[in-house]
Structure formats: structure tokens, C-alpha cells
Amino acid sequence: MGEISMFNNNNIKNIRLANSKNQKDIAALLNIKRSSYAMWESGNEIFPIKRLIVFCEQLNVSVDYALGLTSKNNYNLNKYNKDKSILRLKEFRKEFNLTQEKLASILNTNKSVICSYEK
């Protein structure tokens, strides 16, 4: 699954289960087919970043936590700090020697999205 080996699909499943949701519930929440969500949860396909953000917002977990980048759920919408998030994205990209284009490919988005976050 991509070059970012720290992504842990078990976190996605565990978050779903902790919220007493089944795959069909999450698919409805994301306005997608259950089979699409199942592929993302199993790691057979990459969870698109826009859908991942909705998933996290709806289930009150941080994206870092969902991706397994931290063991603590630090989700707090009231304390969202865009500048800090952008810095973390840049640091993450540099740590793994990823170009904006490569990171966009891994996250199933395009380079312009990554670029707009890093402005």
C-alpha cells in the first residue's frame, strides 16, 4: 500500500467500531457505496483525502489519529490551527522525501490541492 508504511487501516476500522457503526452506516455518511468504503477500510484502495476528512469530522477524530500518525485522538474543531496543520503536512512530506505531486498521488488527490494547503 503506497510508500507510507505507517498508514494503519485498522485505525479506520477501530474508529468505526468504537462509534457502533457498520460499513453501510459509514458509506451512507460519506454518500458512497458500501463496497467503496470496504475497499478503503481494508487497504485495497487509498482512502481519498476529502472523504477521510469528512469521516474524521463526522466521527470526531483527528486525521493524524485515523492515519496512525499519533496514538492520541487530538480532535478539537474549536482549536483547529490551519498554520500548524500546513506545517505538519510539509514536515511529513519532507520526512518521507515526497514531492507535492507524489504525496497527492498517494492521497488520491492532485498536486494543486497539496500546493494550496502549503501556500
C-alpha atoms as a PDB file:
ATOM      1  CA  MET A   1       0.000   0.000   0.000  1.00  0.00           C
ATOM      2  CA  GLY A   2       1.883   3.099  -1.183  1.00  0.00           C
ATOM      3  CA  GLU A   3       5.160   4.254   0.264  1.00  0.00           C
ATOM      4  CA  ILE A   4       3.782   5.488   3.561  1.00  0.00           C
ATOM      5  CA  SER A   5       4.013   2.343   5.624  1.00  0.00           C
ATOM      6  CA  MET A   6       2.762   3.962   8.812  1.00  0.00           C
ATOM      7  CA  PHE A   7      -0.807   4.179   7.496  1.00  0.00           C
ATOM      8  CA  ASN A   8      -2.807   1.784   9.617  1.00  0.00           C
ATOM      9  CA  ASN A   9      -6.151   0.724   8.180  1.00  0.00           C
ATOM     10  CA  ASN A  10      -7.008  -0.928  11.495  1.00  0.00           C
ATOM     11  CA  ASN A  11      -7.421   2.565  12.945  1.00  0.00           C
ATOM     12  CA  ILE A  12     -10.174   3.310  10.439  1.00  0.00           C
ATOM     13  CA  LYS A  13     -11.976   0.086  11.303  1.00  0.00           C
ATOM     14  CA  ASN A  14     -11.493   0.589  15.047  1.00  0.00           C
ATOM     15  CA  ILE A  15     -12.846   4.131  14.848  1.00  0.00           C
ATOM     16  CA  ARG A  16     -15.901   2.838  13.009  1.00  0.00           C
ATOM     17  CA  LEU A  17     -16.459   0.081  15.563  1.00  0.00           C
ATOM     18  CA  ALA A  18     -15.912   2.441  18.512  1.00  0.00           C
ATOM     19  CA  ASN A  19     -18.754   4.543  17.133  1.00  0.00           C
ATOM     20  CA  SER A  20     -21.026   1.481  16.841  1.00  0.00           C
ATOM     21  CA  LYS A  21     -21.252   1.879  13.075  1.00  0.00           C
ATOM     22  CA  ASN A  22     -21.201  -0.744  10.356  1.00  0.00           C
ATOM     23  CA  GLN A  23     -19.690  -0.235   6.919  1.00  0.00           C
ATOM     24  CA  LYS A  24     -23.112   0.573   5.460  1.00  0.00           C
ATOM     25  CA  ASP A  25     -23.572   3.374   8.026  1.00  0.00           C
ATOM     26  CA  ILE A  26     -20.210   4.919   7.146  1.00  0.00           C
ATOM     27  CA  ALA A  27     -20.880   4.592   3.413  1.00  0.00           C
ATOM     28  CA  ALA A  28     -24.180   6.461   3.889  1.00  0.00           C
ATOM     29  CA  LEU A  29     -22.377   9.122   5.926  1.00  0.00           C
ATOM     30  CA  LEU A  30     -19.871   9.588   3.090  1.00  0.00           C
ATOM     31  CA  ASN A  31     -22.519   9.292   0.373  1.00  0.00           C
ATOM     32  CA  ILE A  32     -20.754   6.379  -1.318  1.00  0.00           C
ATOM     33  CA  LYS A  33     -21.322   2.670  -1.914  1.00  0.00           C
ATOM     34  CA  ARG A  34     -20.534   0.280   0.930  1.00  0.00           C
ATOM     35  CA  SER A  35     -18.170  -1.633  -1.343  1.00  0.00           C
ATOM     36  CA  SER A  36     -16.100   1.517  -1.924  1.00  0.00           C
ATOM     37  CA  TYR A  37     -15.783   2.122   1.797  1.00  0.00           C
ATOM     38  CA  ALA A  38     -14.912  -1.546   2.380  1.00  0.00           C
ATOM     39  CA  MET A  39     -12.037  -1.260  -0.109  1.00  0.00           C
ATOM     40  CA  TRP A  40     -10.680   1.799   1.726  1.00  0.00           C
ATOM     41  CA  GLU A  41     -11.041   0.241   5.158  1.00  0.00           C
ATOM     42  CA  SER A  42      -9.307  -2.953   4.057  1.00  0.00           C
ATOM     43  CA  GLY A  43      -6.449  -1.033   2.449  1.00  0.00           C
ATOM     44  CA  ASN A  44      -7.158  -2.378  -1.015  1.00  0.00           C
ATOM     45  CA  GLU A  45      -7.668   1.184  -2.216  1.00  0.00           C
ATOM     46  CA  ILE A  46      -6.481   4.505  -0.837  1.00  0.00           C
ATOM     47  CA  PHE A  47      -8.970   6.493   1.224  1.00  0.00           C
ATOM     48  CA  PRO A  48      -9.393   9.793  -0.707  1.00  0.00           C
ATOM     49  CA  ILE A  49      -8.312  12.679   1.492  1.00  0.00           C
ATOM     50  CA  LYS A  50     -11.556  14.638   1.080  1.00  0.00           C
ATOM     51  CA  ARG A  51     -13.596  11.622   2.204  1.00  0.00           C
ATOM     52  CA  LEU A  52     -11.154  10.919   5.034  1.00  0.00           C
ATOM     53  CA  ILE A  53     -11.634  14.457   6.335  1.00  0.00           C
ATOM     54  CA  VAL A  54     -15.426  14.033   6.313  1.00  0.00           C
ATOM     55  CA  PHE A  55     -15.042  10.650   8.043  1.00  0.00           C
ATOM     56  CA  CYS A  56     -12.903  12.219  10.764  1.00  0.00           C
ATOM     57  CA  GLU A  57     -15.115  15.266  11.224  1.00  0.00           C
ATOM     58  CA  GLN A  58     -18.271  13.158  11.499  1.00  0.00           C
ATOM     59  CA  LEU A  59     -16.717  10.702  13.964  1.00  0.00           C
ATOM     60  CA  ASN A  60     -14.800  13.364  15.927  1.00  0.00           C
ATOM     61  CA  VAL A  61     -11.309  12.019  15.390  1.00  0.00           C
ATOM     62  CA  SER A  62      -8.224  13.738  14.080  1.00  0.00           C
ATOM     63  CA  VAL A  63      -6.833  12.805  10.689  1.00  0.00           C
ATOM     64  CA  ASP A  64      -3.475  12.127  12.382  1.00  0.00           C
ATOM     65  CA  TYR A  65      -5.170   9.599  14.647  1.00  0.00           C
ATOM     66  CA  ALA A  66      -7.104   7.972  11.808  1.00  0.00           C
ATOM     67  CA  LEU A  67      -3.897   7.562   9.801  1.00  0.00           C
ATOM     68  CA  GLY A  68      -1.989   6.146  12.755  1.00  0.00           C
ATOM     69  CA  LEU A  69       0.405   9.101  12.921  1.00  0.00           C
ATOM     70  CA  THR A  70      -0.412   9.541  16.600  1.00  0.00           C
ATOM     71  CA  SER A  71      -1.830   7.285  19.274  1.00  0.00           C
ATOM     72  CA  LYS A  72      -3.907  10.100  20.793  1.00  0.00           C
ATOM     73  CA  ASN A  73      -7.074  11.468  19.295  1.00  0.00           C
ATOM     74  CA  ASN A  74      -6.493  15.208  19.425  1.00  0.00           C
ATOM     75  CA  TYR A  75      -9.617  16.184  17.525  1.00  0.00           C
ATOM     76  CA  ASN A  76     -10.938  19.543  18.597  1.00  0.00           C
ATOM     77  CA  LEU A  77     -12.608  21.579  15.881  1.00  0.00           C
ATOM     78  CA  ASN A  78     -12.594  24.699  18.042  1.00  0.00           C
ATOM     79  CA  LYS A  79      -8.810  24.598  18.321  1.00  0.00           C
ATOM     80  CA  TYR A  80      -8.108  23.911  14.636  1.00  0.00           C
ATOM     81  CA  ASN A  81      -4.939  25.674  13.636  1.00  0.00           C
ATOM     82  CA  LYS A  82      -4.536  25.821   9.865  1.00  0.00           C
ATOM     83  CA  ASP A  83      -0.948  27.094  10.042  1.00  0.00           C
ATOM     84  CA  LYS A  84       0.091  24.209  12.298  1.00  0.00           C
ATOM     85  CA  SER A  85      -1.611  21.671  10.021  1.00  0.00           C
ATOM     86  CA  ILE A  86       0.139  23.090   6.976  1.00  0.00           C
ATOM     87  CA  LEU A  87       3.493  22.929   8.755  1.00  0.00           C
ATOM     88  CA  ARG A  88       2.829  19.289   9.734  1.00  0.00           C
ATOM     89  CA  LEU A  89       1.950  18.444   6.131  1.00  0.00           C
ATOM     90  CA  LYS A  90       5.197  19.987   4.898  1.00  0.00           C
ATOM     91  CA  GLU A  91       7.222  18.246   7.629  1.00  0.00           C
ATOM     92  CA  PHE A  92       5.589  14.922   6.835  1.00  0.00           C
ATOM     93  CA  ARG A  93       6.251  15.330   3.119  1.00  0.00           C
ATOM     94  CA  LYS A  94       9.901  16.246   3.737  1.00  0.00           C
ATOM     95  CA  GLU A  95      10.420  13.423   6.250  1.00  0.00           C
ATOM     96  CA  PHE A  96       9.439  10.892   3.607  1.00  0.00           C
ATOM     97  CA  ASN A  97      11.168  12.770   0.770  1.00  0.00           C
ATOM     98  CA  LEU A  98       7.902  13.199  -1.108  1.00  0.00           C
ATOM     99  CA  THR A  99       7.226  15.801  -3.743  1.00  0.00           C
ATOM    100  CA  GLN A 100       3.875  17.531  -3.707  1.00  0.00           C
ATOM    101  CA  GLU A 101       2.968  15.503  -6.773  1.00  0.00           C
ATOM    102  CA  LYS A 102       3.895  12.170  -5.158  1.00  0.00           C
ATOM    103  CA  LEU A 103       2.021  12.968  -1.932  1.00  0.00           C
ATOM    104  CA  ALA A 104      -1.017  13.992  -3.971  1.00  0.00           C
ATOM    105  CA  SER A 105      -0.870  10.674  -5.799  1.00  0.00           C
ATOM    106  CA  ILE A 106      -0.643   8.727  -2.522  1.00  0.00           C
ATOM    107  CA  LEU A 107      -3.606  10.664  -1.079  1.00  0.00           C
ATOM    108  CA  ASN A 108      -5.627  10.225  -4.261  1.00  0.00           C
ATOM    109  CA  THR A 109      -5.838  13.933  -4.981  1.00  0.00           C
ATOM    110  CA  ASN A 110      -3.940  16.304  -7.242  1.00  0.00           C
ATOM    111  CA  LYS A 111      -0.854  18.426  -6.782  1.00  0.00           C
ATOM    112  CA  SER A 112      -2.827  21.677  -6.795  1.00  0.00           C
ATOM    113  CA  VAL A 113      -4.669  20.587  -3.628  1.00  0.00           C
ATOM    114  CA  ILE A 114      -1.382  19.924  -1.790  1.00  0.00           C
ATOM    115  CA  CYS A 115       0.052  23.165  -3.153  1.00  0.00           C
ATOM    116  CA  SER A 116      -2.965  25.163  -1.976  1.00  0.00           C
ATOM    117  CA  TYR A 117      -2.573  23.762   1.555  1.00  0.00           C
ATOM    118  CA  GLU A 118       1.101  24.671   1.623  1.00  0.00           C
ATOM    119  CA  LYS A 119       0.704  28.285   0.445  1.00  0.00           C
END
